[in-house]
Amino acid sequence: MNSSYDIIKALMRTEKSTLYEPQAKYLFLVNRQANKVQIKRAIEDIYKVRVGEVNTFISSGKLKRVRYQLGLTPETKKAIVTLKAGQKIETA
């Protein structure tokens, strides 16, 4: 993982994640091997903001069935990033 873009996959824009924005919190989909320090540096590099705190969690894969086949969706790692006071990420 050399690049910041390898660590941060996407800014997640869901109904629940938009409720965090007034508190300067944003939800990101991140690489499974990335740690909090790497995530913080990548966010600061990409969006040019100051990060206060990073909380991560892993969403487990869900069981799916197609006809007679069973399978799992992949596990994903997400990060809730809290920005320092006065900082904001411009979202379109």
N, C-alpha and C. Protein backbone atom coordinates (compact mmCIF):
# COMPACT_ATOMS: atom_id res chain seq x y z
N MET A 1 0.84 -1.18 0.00
CA MET A 1 0.00 0.00 0.00
C MET A 1 0.89 1.24 0.00
N ASN A 2 1.26 1.68 -1.15
CA ASN A 2 2.13 2.83 -1.27
C ASN A 2 1.34 4.13 -1.38
N SER A 3 0.25 4.09 -2.09
CA SER A 3 -0.49 5.30 -2.40
C SER A 3 -1.64 5.51 -1.41
N SER A 4 -2.00 6.77 -1.21
CA SER A 4 -3.16 7.08 -0.38
C SER A 4 -4.44 6.55 -1.01
N TYR A 5 -4.45 6.50 -2.34
CA TYR A 5 -5.62 6.00 -3.04
C TYR A 5 -5.76 4.49 -2.95
N ASP A 6 -4.68 3.78 -2.58
CA ASP A 6 -4.77 2.34 -2.33
C ASP A 6 -5.40 2.08 -0.96
N ILE A 7 -5.25 3.00 -0.04
CA ILE A 7 -5.79 2.84 1.31
C ILE A 7 -7.26 3.23 1.36
N ILE A 8 -7.60 4.40 0.81
CA ILE A 8 -8.98 4.89 0.82
C ILE A 8 -9.64 4.47 -0.48
N LYS A 9 -10.67 3.64 -0.39
CA LYS A 9 -11.36 3.17 -1.59
C LYS A 9 -12.48 4.12 -1.99
N ALA A 10 -13.29 4.59 -1.02
CA ALA A 10 -14.42 5.45 -1.37
C ALA A 10 -14.94 6.18 -0.15
N LEU A 11 -15.51 7.35 -0.38
CA LEU A 11 -16.27 8.07 0.62
C LEU A 11 -17.70 7.56 0.51
N MET A 12 -18.21 6.97 1.58
CA MET A 12 -19.53 6.34 1.52
C MET A 12 -20.62 7.38 1.76
N ARG A 13 -21.53 7.49 0.82
CA ARG A 13 -22.62 8.45 0.90
C ARG A 13 -23.92 7.67 1.07
N THR A 14 -24.24 7.30 2.29
CA THR A 14 -25.49 6.62 2.60
C THR A 14 -26.36 7.55 3.44
N GLU A 15 -27.59 7.16 3.61
CA GLU A 15 -28.50 7.99 4.39
C GLU A 15 -28.01 8.13 5.83
N LYS A 16 -27.52 7.05 6.39
CA LYS A 16 -27.04 7.09 7.77
C LYS A 16 -25.74 7.88 7.89
N SER A 17 -24.86 7.77 6.91
CA SER A 17 -23.59 8.49 7.00
C SER A 17 -23.76 9.99 6.84
N THR A 18 -24.81 10.45 6.17
CA THR A 18 -25.03 11.89 6.04
C THR A 18 -25.49 12.50 7.36
N LEU A 19 -25.98 11.69 8.28
CA LEU A 19 -26.37 12.20 9.60
C LEU A 19 -25.15 12.59 10.43
N TYR A 20 -23.98 12.02 10.10
CA TYR A 20 -22.75 12.32 10.83
C TYR A 20 -22.11 13.64 10.40
N GLU A 21 -22.42 14.13 9.19
CA GLU A 21 -21.71 15.28 8.63
C GLU A 21 -21.80 16.56 9.46
N PRO A 22 -22.94 16.89 10.10
CA PRO A 22 -22.93 18.09 10.95
C PRO A 22 -21.94 17.99 12.13
N GLN A 23 -21.58 16.78 12.52
CA GLN A 23 -20.61 16.57 13.60
C GLN A 23 -19.19 16.45 13.06
N ALA A 24 -19.00 16.73 11.77
CA ALA A 24 -17.69 16.64 11.09
C ALA A 24 -17.16 15.21 11.10
N LYS A 25 -18.06 14.23 10.92
CA LYS A 25 -17.68 12.83 10.82
C LYS A 25 -18.05 12.32 9.43
N TYR A 26 -17.14 11.53 8.84
CA TYR A 26 -17.35 11.01 7.50
C TYR A 26 -17.03 9.52 7.49
N LEU A 27 -17.75 8.76 6.67
CA LEU A 27 -17.59 7.32 6.59
C LEU A 27 -16.86 6.96 5.31
N PHE A 28 -15.78 6.18 5.44
CA PHE A 28 -14.97 5.78 4.30
C PHE A 28 -14.88 4.26 4.22
N LEU A 29 -14.85 3.74 3.01
CA LEU A 29 -14.54 2.34 2.75
C LEU A 29 -13.04 2.27 2.56
N VAL A 30 -12.35 1.45 3.36
CA VAL A 30 -10.89 1.42 3.34
C VAL A 30 -10.38 0.00 3.09
N ASN A 31 -9.09 -0.08 2.81
CA ASN A 31 -8.42 -1.36 2.58
C ASN A 31 -8.40 -2.17 3.88
N ARG A 32 -8.57 -3.47 3.77
CA ARG A 32 -8.63 -4.34 4.96
C ARG A 32 -7.33 -4.33 5.76
N GLN A 33 -6.18 -4.15 5.10
CA GLN A 33 -4.89 -4.21 5.80
C GLN A 33 -4.47 -2.86 6.36
N ALA A 34 -5.20 -1.79 6.10
CA ALA A 34 -4.80 -0.46 6.55
C ALA A 34 -5.07 -0.28 8.04
N ASN A 35 -4.15 0.39 8.73
CA ASN A 35 -4.38 0.69 10.14
C ASN A 35 -4.82 2.14 10.29
N LYS A 36 -5.10 2.57 11.52
CA LYS A 36 -5.65 3.90 11.76
C LYS A 36 -4.69 5.02 11.38
N VAL A 37 -3.41 4.82 11.62
CA VAL A 37 -2.43 5.83 11.29
C VAL A 37 -2.34 6.02 9.77
N GLN A 38 -2.34 4.93 9.02
CA GLN A 38 -2.30 5.01 7.57
C GLN A 38 -3.55 5.67 7.02
N ILE A 39 -4.71 5.36 7.60
CA ILE A 39 -5.97 5.96 7.16
C ILE A 39 -5.95 7.46 7.42
N LYS A 40 -5.48 7.86 8.59
CA LYS A 40 -5.40 9.29 8.93
C LYS A 40 -4.51 10.04 7.95
N ARG A 41 -3.33 9.51 7.66
CA ARG A 41 -2.41 10.17 6.72
C ARG A 41 -2.99 10.24 5.32
N ALA A 42 -3.69 9.19 4.90
CA ALA A 42 -4.28 9.16 3.56
C ALA A 42 -5.39 10.20 3.42
N ILE A 43 -6.25 10.33 4.43
CA ILE A 43 -7.33 11.32 4.39
C ILE A 43 -6.74 12.74 4.36
N GLU A 44 -5.73 12.99 5.18
CA GLU A 44 -5.10 14.31 5.20
C GLU A 44 -4.43 14.62 3.87
N ASP A 45 -3.86 13.61 3.22
CA ASP A 45 -3.19 13.80 1.94
C ASP A 45 -4.19 14.04 0.81
N ILE A 46 -5.25 13.27 0.76
CA ILE A 46 -6.22 13.36 -0.34
C ILE A 46 -7.10 14.60 -0.23
N TYR A 47 -7.67 14.83 0.96
CA TYR A 47 -8.67 15.89 1.12
C TYR A 47 -8.12 17.19 1.71
N LYS A 48 -6.85 17.21 2.09
CA LYS A 48 -6.20 18.41 2.64
C LYS A 48 -6.96 18.97 3.85
N VAL A 49 -7.29 18.10 4.80
CA VAL A 49 -7.97 18.48 6.05
C VAL A 49 -7.18 17.92 7.22
N ARG A 50 -7.50 18.38 8.42
CA ARG A 50 -6.85 17.88 9.64
C ARG A 50 -7.78 16.87 10.30
N VAL A 51 -7.29 15.67 10.53
CA VAL A 51 -8.08 14.59 11.12
C VAL A 51 -7.84 14.55 12.61
N GLY A 52 -8.94 14.47 13.37
CA GLY A 52 -8.83 14.38 14.82
C GLY A 52 -8.81 12.95 15.32
N GLU A 53 -9.69 12.11 14.79
CA GLU A 53 -9.85 10.76 15.31
C GLU A 53 -10.29 9.83 14.20
N VAL A 54 -9.87 8.56 14.28
CA VAL A 54 -10.27 7.54 13.32
C VAL A 54 -10.77 6.33 14.09
N ASN A 55 -11.98 5.90 13.79
CA ASN A 55 -12.54 4.67 14.34
C ASN A 55 -12.80 3.71 13.19
N THR A 56 -12.39 2.45 13.34
CA THR A 56 -12.58 1.48 12.27
C THR A 56 -13.42 0.31 12.75
N PHE A 57 -14.07 -0.34 11.80
CA PHE A 57 -14.80 -1.57 12.09
C PHE A 57 -14.88 -2.40 10.82
N ILE A 58 -15.07 -3.70 11.00
CA ILE A 58 -15.17 -4.62 9.87
C ILE A 58 -16.61 -5.12 9.80
N SER A 59 -17.23 -4.91 8.64
CA SER A 59 -18.58 -5.41 8.40
C SER A 59 -18.45 -6.83 7.87
N SER A 60 -19.10 -7.76 8.54
CA SER A 60 -18.99 -9.15 8.11
C SER A 60 -19.80 -9.38 6.85
N GLY A 61 -19.39 -10.40 6.09
CA GLY A 61 -20.08 -10.75 4.85
C GLY A 61 -21.44 -11.36 5.14
N LYS A 62 -22.37 -11.11 4.25
CA LYS A 62 -23.73 -11.63 4.41
C LYS A 62 -23.91 -12.91 3.59
N LEU A 63 -24.72 -13.80 4.09
CA LEU A 63 -25.02 -15.04 3.39
C LEU A 63 -26.01 -14.76 2.27
N LYS A 64 -25.68 -15.14 1.06
CA LYS A 64 -26.54 -14.92 -0.11
C LYS A 64 -26.78 -16.26 -0.78
N ARG A 65 -27.94 -16.35 -1.43
CA ARG A 65 -28.29 -17.58 -2.12
C ARG A 65 -28.77 -17.23 -3.51
N VAL A 66 -28.22 -17.92 -4.52
CA VAL A 66 -28.68 -17.79 -5.89
C VAL A 66 -29.07 -19.19 -6.35
N ARG A 67 -30.34 -19.38 -6.57
CA ARG A 67 -30.93 -20.70 -6.86
C ARG A 67 -30.54 -21.68 -5.76
N TYR A 68 -29.67 -22.63 -6.09
CA TYR A 68 -29.31 -23.64 -5.09
C TYR A 68 -27.90 -23.43 -4.53
N GLN A 69 -27.24 -22.39 -4.97
CA GLN A 69 -25.87 -22.12 -4.53
C GLN A 69 -25.87 -21.16 -3.34
N LEU A 70 -25.08 -21.46 -2.33
CA LEU A 70 -24.90 -20.55 -1.20
C LEU A 70 -23.54 -19.88 -1.32
N GLY A 71 -23.47 -18.65 -0.88
CA GLY A 71 -22.21 -17.92 -0.91
C GLY A 71 -22.23 -16.77 0.06
N LEU A 72 -21.11 -16.10 0.20
CA LEU A 72 -20.97 -14.95 1.09
C LEU A 72 -20.53 -13.73 0.31
N THR A 73 -21.05 -12.58 0.68
CA THR A 73 -20.50 -11.33 0.16
C THR A 73 -19.21 -11.06 0.92
N PRO A 74 -18.30 -10.32 0.35
CA PRO A 74 -17.01 -10.11 1.02
C PRO A 74 -17.13 -9.22 2.26
N GLU A 75 -16.23 -9.46 3.22
CA GLU A 75 -16.14 -8.59 4.39
C GLU A 75 -15.49 -7.28 3.96
N THR A 76 -15.94 -6.17 4.55
CA THR A 76 -15.38 -4.87 4.22
C THR A 76 -14.96 -4.15 5.49
N LYS A 77 -13.96 -3.31 5.37
CA LYS A 77 -13.50 -2.50 6.49
C LYS A 77 -13.92 -1.06 6.23
N LYS A 78 -14.49 -0.43 7.26
CA LYS A 78 -14.95 0.94 7.14
C LYS A 78 -14.32 1.77 8.24
N ALA A 79 -14.19 3.07 7.99
CA ALA A 79 -13.59 3.98 8.96
C ALA A 79 -14.49 5.20 9.12
N ILE A 80 -14.77 5.55 10.37
CA ILE A 80 -15.47 6.79 10.68
C ILE A 80 -14.39 7.79 11.09
N VAL A 81 -14.24 8.83 10.28
CA VAL A 81 -13.18 9.82 10.47
C VAL A 81 -13.79 11.10 11.03
N THR A 82 -13.30 11.54 12.18
CA THR A 82 -13.73 12.79 12.81
C THR A 82 -12.69 13.85 12.50
N LEU A 83 -13.14 14.95 11.92
CA LEU A 83 -12.23 16.05 11.58
C LEU A 83 -12.11 17.02 12.75
N LYS A 84 -11.03 17.78 12.76
CA LYS A 84 -10.84 18.79 13.79
C LYS A 84 -11.78 19.95 13.55
N ALA A 85 -11.98 20.79 14.55
CA ALA A 85 -12.93 21.90 14.48
C ALA A 85 -12.60 22.82 13.32
N GLY A 86 -13.65 23.20 12.59
CA GLY A 86 -13.49 24.12 11.46
C GLY A 86 -13.13 23.44 10.15
N GLN A 87 -12.92 22.14 10.15
CA GLN A 87 -12.57 21.40 8.94
C GLN A 87 -13.83 20.81 8.32
N LYS A 88 -13.82 20.67 6.99
CA LYS A 88 -14.97 20.12 6.28
C LYS A 88 -14.50 19.51 4.96
N ILE A 89 -15.11 18.40 4.58
CA ILE A 89 -14.84 17.79 3.29
C ILE A 89 -15.99 18.17 2.36
N GLU A 90 -15.64 18.75 1.22
CA GLU A 90 -16.66 19.16 0.26
C GLU A 90 -17.15 17.93 -0.50
N THR A 91 -18.44 17.65 -0.39
CA THR A 91 -19.04 16.52 -1.10
C THR A 91 -20.01 17.06 -2.12
N ALA A 92 -20.04 16.42 -3.25
CA ALA A 92 -20.92 16.90 -4.34
C ALA A 92 -22.29 16.29 -4.26
